[in-house]
Amino acid sequence: MKVAYKVWLDNDGKAFGEGPYQLMKRIEEKGSLHQAAIDMKMSYRKAWRTLHAIEEKLGFALLDRHVGGVSGGGSQITDAGRELVKNYEGFRNDVREALETIYRKHFESGNKRAHNSNMQSK
């Protein structure tokens, strides 16, 4: 058995969570919203609408978008977007560690006790 959970940031509704986090990480890696969307098996339109909705909720731009041309288009994460990703990543890691600790406190020691008492009664 293990603990399962979802973590997201809320600002009068879900504002940022694992899906957008993964999308932003891929944009940073690929330099392209289009390529990041393909990687996630998501339409470009859905990816763009997701990020636009987050920008509206949070009140700052996540991406600097560059329309195609000789060198092609692309997307770069803004400094504020990079900070959001970094902070979310640290936050979710801390949440994971804390929940695993709490889970072990309540379930693993109880399972050992139950296992030991079963062993003793045999």
N, C-alpha and C. Protein backbone atom coordinates (compact mmCIF):
# COMPACT_ATOMS: atom_id res chain seq x y z
N MET A 1 0.85 -1.17 0.00
CA MET A 1 0.00 0.00 0.00
C MET A 1 0.89 1.23 0.00
N LYS A 2 0.41 2.32 -0.61
CA LYS A 2 1.16 3.57 -0.63
C LYS A 2 0.18 4.74 -0.61
N VAL A 3 0.70 5.91 -0.34
CA VAL A 3 -0.13 7.11 -0.31
C VAL A 3 -0.19 7.68 -1.74
N ALA A 4 -1.35 8.21 -2.12
CA ALA A 4 -1.54 8.86 -3.41
C ALA A 4 -2.18 10.22 -3.16
N TYR A 5 -1.81 11.19 -3.96
CA TYR A 5 -2.31 12.55 -3.75
C TYR A 5 -2.08 13.38 -5.00
N LYS A 6 -2.75 14.51 -5.07
CA LYS A 6 -2.53 15.50 -6.11
C LYS A 6 -2.34 16.84 -5.41
N VAL A 7 -1.41 17.62 -5.93
CA VAL A 7 -1.12 18.93 -5.36
C VAL A 7 -1.24 19.96 -6.46
N TRP A 8 -1.91 21.06 -6.17
CA TRP A 8 -1.97 22.16 -7.12
C TRP A 8 -2.08 23.46 -6.36
N LEU A 9 -1.80 24.54 -7.07
CA LEU A 9 -1.95 25.88 -6.53
C LEU A 9 -3.30 26.40 -6.96
N ASP A 10 -3.98 27.06 -6.06
CA ASP A 10 -5.33 27.54 -6.31
C ASP A 10 -5.36 29.06 -6.16
N ASN A 11 -6.04 29.72 -7.06
CA ASN A 11 -6.24 31.16 -6.98
C ASN A 11 -7.64 31.43 -7.52
N ASP A 12 -8.65 31.26 -6.66
CA ASP A 12 -10.05 31.29 -7.08
C ASP A 12 -10.30 30.25 -8.17
N GLY A 13 -9.82 29.06 -7.94
CA GLY A 13 -9.89 27.95 -8.89
C GLY A 13 -8.50 27.44 -9.16
N LYS A 14 -8.42 26.24 -9.67
CA LYS A 14 -7.12 25.62 -9.93
C LYS A 14 -6.30 26.50 -10.86
N ALA A 15 -5.09 26.85 -10.41
CA ALA A 15 -4.26 27.75 -11.18
C ALA A 15 -3.02 27.06 -11.77
N PHE A 16 -2.42 26.13 -11.03
CA PHE A 16 -1.20 25.50 -11.51
C PHE A 16 -1.03 24.17 -10.81
N GLY A 17 -0.74 23.14 -11.59
CA GLY A 17 -0.56 21.81 -11.02
C GLY A 17 0.42 21.00 -11.85
N GLU A 18 0.34 19.70 -11.72
CA GLU A 18 1.31 18.80 -12.34
C GLU A 18 1.31 18.88 -13.87
N GLY A 19 0.14 18.94 -14.49
CA GLY A 19 0.08 19.01 -15.95
C GLY A 19 0.76 20.26 -16.50
N PRO A 20 0.36 21.45 -16.04
CA PRO A 20 1.05 22.66 -16.49
C PRO A 20 2.54 22.67 -16.14
N TYR A 21 2.88 22.11 -14.99
CA TYR A 21 4.29 22.02 -14.59
C TYR A 21 5.06 21.21 -15.64
N GLN A 22 4.53 20.04 -16.01
CA GLN A 22 5.19 19.19 -17.00
C GLN A 22 5.27 19.90 -18.36
N LEU A 23 4.23 20.61 -18.72
CA LEU A 23 4.21 21.37 -19.97
C LEU A 23 5.31 22.43 -19.96
N MET A 24 5.41 23.17 -18.87
CA MET A 24 6.43 24.22 -18.76
C MET A 24 7.85 23.63 -18.81
N LYS A 25 8.06 22.50 -18.15
CA LYS A 25 9.38 21.85 -18.18
C LYS A 25 9.75 21.47 -19.61
N ARG A 26 8.78 20.97 -20.36
CA ARG A 26 9.05 20.56 -21.74
C ARG A 26 9.28 21.78 -22.64
N ILE A 27 8.57 22.87 -22.39
CA ILE A 27 8.80 24.09 -23.16
C ILE A 27 10.23 24.57 -22.92
N GLU A 28 10.65 24.53 -21.67
CA GLU A 28 12.01 24.95 -21.32
C GLU A 28 13.04 24.07 -22.05
N GLU A 29 12.76 22.79 -22.10
CA GLU A 29 13.66 21.83 -22.74
C GLU A 29 13.68 21.97 -24.26
N LYS A 30 12.50 22.13 -24.86
CA LYS A 30 12.37 22.13 -26.32
C LYS A 30 12.45 23.53 -26.95
N GLY A 31 12.14 24.56 -26.14
CA GLY A 31 12.11 25.92 -26.69
C GLY A 31 10.89 26.17 -27.56
N SER A 32 9.85 25.35 -27.39
CA SER A 32 8.68 25.44 -28.26
C SER A 32 7.44 24.90 -27.54
N LEU A 33 6.40 25.71 -27.54
CA LEU A 33 5.12 25.26 -27.00
C LEU A 33 4.57 24.13 -27.87
N HIS A 34 4.71 24.29 -29.18
CA HIS A 34 4.22 23.27 -30.11
C HIS A 34 4.87 21.92 -29.84
N GLN A 35 6.19 21.88 -29.72
CA GLN A 35 6.91 20.63 -29.46
C GLN A 35 6.57 20.06 -28.10
N ALA A 36 6.42 20.94 -27.10
CA ALA A 36 6.05 20.48 -25.76
C ALA A 36 4.68 19.82 -25.78
N ALA A 37 3.74 20.43 -26.52
CA ALA A 37 2.39 19.87 -26.63
C ALA A 37 2.43 18.50 -27.30
N ILE A 38 3.21 18.37 -28.36
CA ILE A 38 3.33 17.09 -29.05
C ILE A 38 3.88 16.04 -28.09
N ASP A 39 4.91 16.41 -27.33
CA ASP A 39 5.51 15.50 -26.34
C ASP A 39 4.47 14.98 -25.35
N MET A 40 3.53 15.84 -24.98
CA MET A 40 2.52 15.48 -23.98
C MET A 40 1.26 14.91 -24.62
N LYS A 41 1.31 14.70 -25.94
CA LYS A 41 0.15 14.18 -26.67
C LYS A 41 -1.09 15.06 -26.45
N MET A 42 -0.84 16.37 -26.57
CA MET A 42 -1.86 17.39 -26.34
C MET A 42 -1.89 18.28 -27.58
N SER A 43 -3.05 18.79 -27.91
CA SER A 43 -3.11 19.71 -29.05
C SER A 43 -2.44 21.03 -28.66
N TYR A 44 -1.89 21.69 -29.68
CA TYR A 44 -1.28 23.00 -29.45
C TYR A 44 -2.32 23.95 -28.85
N ARG A 45 -3.52 23.88 -29.38
CA ARG A 45 -4.60 24.78 -28.92
C ARG A 45 -4.88 24.58 -27.42
N LYS A 46 -4.96 23.32 -26.99
CA LYS A 46 -5.22 23.04 -25.58
C LYS A 46 -4.05 23.53 -24.72
N ALA A 47 -2.82 23.29 -25.16
CA ALA A 47 -1.65 23.74 -24.42
C ALA A 47 -1.66 25.26 -24.29
N TRP A 48 -1.92 25.94 -25.41
CA TRP A 48 -1.93 27.40 -25.40
C TRP A 48 -3.04 27.92 -24.48
N ARG A 49 -4.24 27.35 -24.59
CA ARG A 49 -5.36 27.79 -23.75
C ARG A 49 -5.09 27.53 -22.27
N THR A 50 -4.46 26.41 -21.95
CA THR A 50 -4.12 26.10 -20.57
C THR A 50 -3.19 27.16 -20.00
N LEU A 51 -2.12 27.47 -20.72
CA LEU A 51 -1.16 28.45 -20.23
C LEU A 51 -1.76 29.85 -20.19
N HIS A 52 -2.58 30.18 -21.17
CA HIS A 52 -3.23 31.49 -21.18
C HIS A 52 -4.15 31.64 -19.96
N ALA A 53 -4.91 30.59 -19.64
CA ALA A 53 -5.80 30.62 -18.47
C ALA A 53 -5.00 30.79 -17.17
N ILE A 54 -3.85 30.12 -17.09
CA ILE A 54 -3.00 30.26 -15.90
C ILE A 54 -2.47 31.69 -15.80
N GLU A 55 -2.04 32.24 -16.91
CA GLU A 55 -1.56 33.63 -16.92
C GLU A 55 -2.65 34.58 -16.43
N GLU A 56 -3.87 34.35 -16.88
CA GLU A 56 -4.99 35.18 -16.44
C GLU A 56 -5.21 35.05 -14.93
N LYS A 57 -5.18 33.82 -14.43
CA LYS A 57 -5.42 33.58 -13.00
C LYS A 57 -4.32 34.16 -12.12
N LEU A 58 -3.08 34.02 -12.57
CA LEU A 58 -1.95 34.45 -11.75
C LEU A 58 -1.54 35.90 -11.98
N GLY A 59 -1.94 36.45 -13.12
CA GLY A 59 -1.67 37.86 -13.38
C GLY A 59 -0.28 38.16 -13.90
N PHE A 60 0.40 37.17 -14.47
CA PHE A 60 1.69 37.43 -15.10
C PHE A 60 1.92 36.44 -16.23
N ALA A 61 2.79 36.84 -17.16
CA ALA A 61 3.08 36.01 -18.34
C ALA A 61 4.00 34.87 -17.96
N LEU A 62 3.72 33.70 -18.51
CA LEU A 62 4.57 32.53 -18.32
C LEU A 62 5.55 32.36 -19.47
N LEU A 63 5.14 32.80 -20.66
CA LEU A 63 5.96 32.61 -21.85
C LEU A 63 6.15 33.90 -22.63
N ASP A 64 7.32 34.00 -23.24
CA ASP A 64 7.57 34.98 -24.29
C ASP A 64 7.44 34.18 -25.58
N ARG A 65 6.47 34.54 -26.40
CA ARG A 65 6.23 33.80 -27.64
C ARG A 65 6.82 34.56 -28.82
N HIS A 66 7.47 33.82 -29.70
CA HIS A 66 8.07 34.41 -30.89
C HIS A 66 7.44 33.76 -32.11
N VAL A 67 6.80 34.58 -32.94
CA VAL A 67 6.16 34.07 -34.16
C VAL A 67 7.25 33.70 -35.15
N GLY A 68 6.96 32.71 -36.00
CA GLY A 68 7.92 32.21 -36.99
C GLY A 68 8.56 33.30 -37.82
N GLY A 69 9.43 32.93 -38.65
CA GLY A 69 10.18 33.83 -39.51
C GLY A 69 11.35 33.05 -40.05
N VAL A 70 12.41 33.75 -40.41
CA VAL A 70 13.58 33.09 -40.97
C VAL A 70 14.14 32.05 -39.99
N SER A 71 14.25 32.43 -38.73
CA SER A 71 14.80 31.50 -37.73
C SER A 71 13.73 30.63 -37.08
N GLY A 72 12.49 30.78 -37.51
CA GLY A 72 11.40 29.99 -36.94
C GLY A 72 10.88 30.62 -35.66
N GLY A 73 9.78 30.12 -35.19
CA GLY A 73 9.18 30.65 -33.97
C GLY A 73 9.68 29.88 -32.76
N GLY A 74 9.09 30.17 -31.64
CA GLY A 74 9.46 29.46 -30.43
C GLY A 74 8.87 30.13 -29.21
N SER A 75 9.07 29.52 -28.08
CA SER A 75 8.58 30.06 -26.82
C SER A 75 9.67 29.92 -25.78
N GLN A 76 9.86 30.97 -25.03
CA GLN A 76 10.79 30.95 -23.92
C GLN A 76 10.02 31.24 -22.64
N ILE A 77 10.38 30.57 -21.59
CA ILE A 77 9.73 30.80 -20.31
C ILE A 77 10.23 32.13 -19.75
N THR A 78 9.31 32.95 -19.26
CA THR A 78 9.69 34.22 -18.65
C THR A 78 10.39 33.96 -17.32
N ASP A 79 11.04 34.99 -16.79
CA ASP A 79 11.67 34.85 -15.47
C ASP A 79 10.63 34.49 -14.41
N ALA A 80 9.45 35.12 -14.49
CA ALA A 80 8.38 34.82 -13.53
C ALA A 80 7.89 33.38 -13.70
N GLY A 81 7.81 32.91 -14.94
CA GLY A 81 7.42 31.52 -15.21
C GLY A 81 8.45 30.55 -14.68
N ARG A 82 9.72 30.86 -14.88
CA ARG A 82 10.81 30.01 -14.39
C ARG A 82 10.79 29.94 -12.86
N GLU A 83 10.52 31.07 -12.22
CA GLU A 83 10.43 31.09 -10.75
C GLU A 83 9.24 30.26 -10.26
N LEU A 84 8.10 30.36 -10.95
CA LEU A 84 6.93 29.55 -10.60
C LEU A 84 7.26 28.07 -10.69
N VAL A 85 7.90 27.65 -11.77
CA VAL A 85 8.26 26.24 -11.96
C VAL A 85 9.21 25.80 -10.85
N LYS A 86 10.22 26.59 -10.57
CA LYS A 86 11.19 26.25 -9.53
C LYS A 86 10.53 26.14 -8.16
N ASN A 87 9.68 27.11 -7.83
CA ASN A 87 9.00 27.09 -6.53
C ASN A 87 8.01 25.93 -6.43
N TYR A 88 7.28 25.66 -7.49
CA TYR A 88 6.33 24.54 -7.49
C TYR A 88 7.08 23.22 -7.32
N GLU A 89 8.19 23.09 -8.03
CA GLU A 89 8.98 21.86 -7.95
C GLU A 89 9.46 21.62 -6.51
N GLY A 90 9.99 22.65 -5.87
CA GLY A 90 10.43 22.52 -4.48
C GLY A 90 9.27 22.22 -3.55
N PHE A 91 8.16 22.91 -3.77
CA PHE A 91 6.97 22.71 -2.95
C PHE A 91 6.45 21.28 -3.07
N ARG A 92 6.31 20.79 -4.29
CA ARG A 92 5.76 19.44 -4.46
C ARG A 92 6.71 18.39 -3.90
N ASN A 93 8.02 18.61 -3.98
CA ASN A 93 8.98 17.68 -3.38
C ASN A 93 8.85 17.67 -1.86
N ASP A 94 8.70 18.85 -1.26
CA ASP A 94 8.50 18.93 0.19
C ASP A 94 7.20 18.26 0.61
N VAL A 95 6.14 18.46 -0.18
CA VAL A 95 4.85 17.81 0.12
C VAL A 95 4.99 16.30 0.05
N ARG A 96 5.67 15.80 -1.00
CA ARG A 96 5.87 14.35 -1.14
C ARG A 96 6.60 13.79 0.07
N GLU A 97 7.69 14.44 0.46
CA GLU A 97 8.47 13.95 1.61
C GLU A 97 7.64 13.99 2.89
N ALA A 98 6.91 15.08 3.11
CA ALA A 98 6.09 15.20 4.32
C ALA A 98 4.99 14.14 4.35
N LEU A 99 4.32 13.93 3.23
CA LEU A 99 3.25 12.94 3.18
C LEU A 99 3.78 11.52 3.36
N GLU A 100 4.94 11.25 2.80
CA GLU A 100 5.52 9.92 3.00
C GLU A 100 5.88 9.69 4.46
N THR A 101 6.40 10.72 5.11
CA THR A 101 6.73 10.62 6.54
C THR A 101 5.47 10.39 7.36
N ILE A 102 4.43 11.15 7.09
CA ILE A 102 3.16 11.00 7.82
C ILE A 102 2.54 9.64 7.54
N TYR A 103 2.60 9.20 6.29
CA TYR A 103 2.08 7.88 5.93
C TYR A 103 2.79 6.79 6.73
N ARG A 104 4.12 6.84 6.74
CA ARG A 104 4.88 5.83 7.48
C ARG A 104 4.51 5.85 8.96
N LYS A 105 4.33 7.04 9.52
CA LYS A 105 3.96 7.18 10.94
C LYS A 105 2.65 6.45 11.24
N HIS A 106 1.68 6.60 10.36
CA HIS A 106 0.35 6.06 10.63
C HIS A 106 0.11 4.65 10.12
N PHE A 107 0.83 4.23 9.10
CA PHE A 107 0.53 2.95 8.50
C PHE A 107 1.63 1.91 8.63
N GLU A 108 2.86 2.29 8.41
CA GLU A 108 3.91 1.27 8.47
C GLU A 108 4.11 0.73 9.87
N SER A 109 4.11 1.60 10.87
CA SER A 109 4.29 1.11 12.24
C SER A 109 3.07 0.27 12.65
N GLY A 110 1.89 0.66 12.22
CA GLY A 110 0.67 -0.11 12.52
C GLY A 110 0.69 -1.46 11.84
N ASN A 111 1.19 -1.51 10.59
CA ASN A 111 1.28 -2.78 9.88
C ASN A 111 2.28 -3.71 10.56
N LYS A 112 3.38 -3.14 11.06
CA LYS A 112 4.36 -3.97 11.77
C LYS A 112 3.76 -4.52 13.05
N ARG A 113 3.03 -3.66 13.77
CA ARG A 113 2.39 -4.12 15.01
C ARG A 113 1.37 -5.21 14.72
N ALA A 114 0.58 -5.00 13.67
CA ALA A 114 -0.43 -6.01 13.30
C ALA A 114 0.27 -7.30 12.89
N HIS A 115 1.35 -7.17 12.13
CA HIS A 115 2.10 -8.34 11.70
C HIS A 115 2.71 -9.05 12.92
N ASN A 116 3.30 -8.29 13.82
CA ASN A 116 3.91 -8.89 15.02
C ASN A 116 2.87 -9.56 15.91
N SER A 117 1.71 -8.92 16.08
CA SER A 117 0.69 -9.53 16.94
C SER A 117 0.12 -10.79 16.29
N ASN A 118 0.05 -10.80 14.93
CA ASN A 118 -0.38 -12.02 14.25
C ASN A 118 0.64 -13.13 14.45
N MET A 119 1.90 -12.75 14.41
CA MET A 119 2.95 -13.74 14.60
C MET A 119 2.92 -14.31 16.01
N GLN A 120 2.66 -13.45 16.99
CA GLN A 120 2.66 -13.88 18.39
C GLN A 120 1.48 -14.77 18.70
N SER A 121 0.35 -14.57 18.04
CA SER A 121 -0.83 -15.34 18.37
C SER A 121 -0.82 -16.72 17.72
N LYS A 122 0.10 -16.98 16.85
CA LYS A 122 0.14 -18.29 16.17
C LYS A 122 0.72 -19.36 17.04
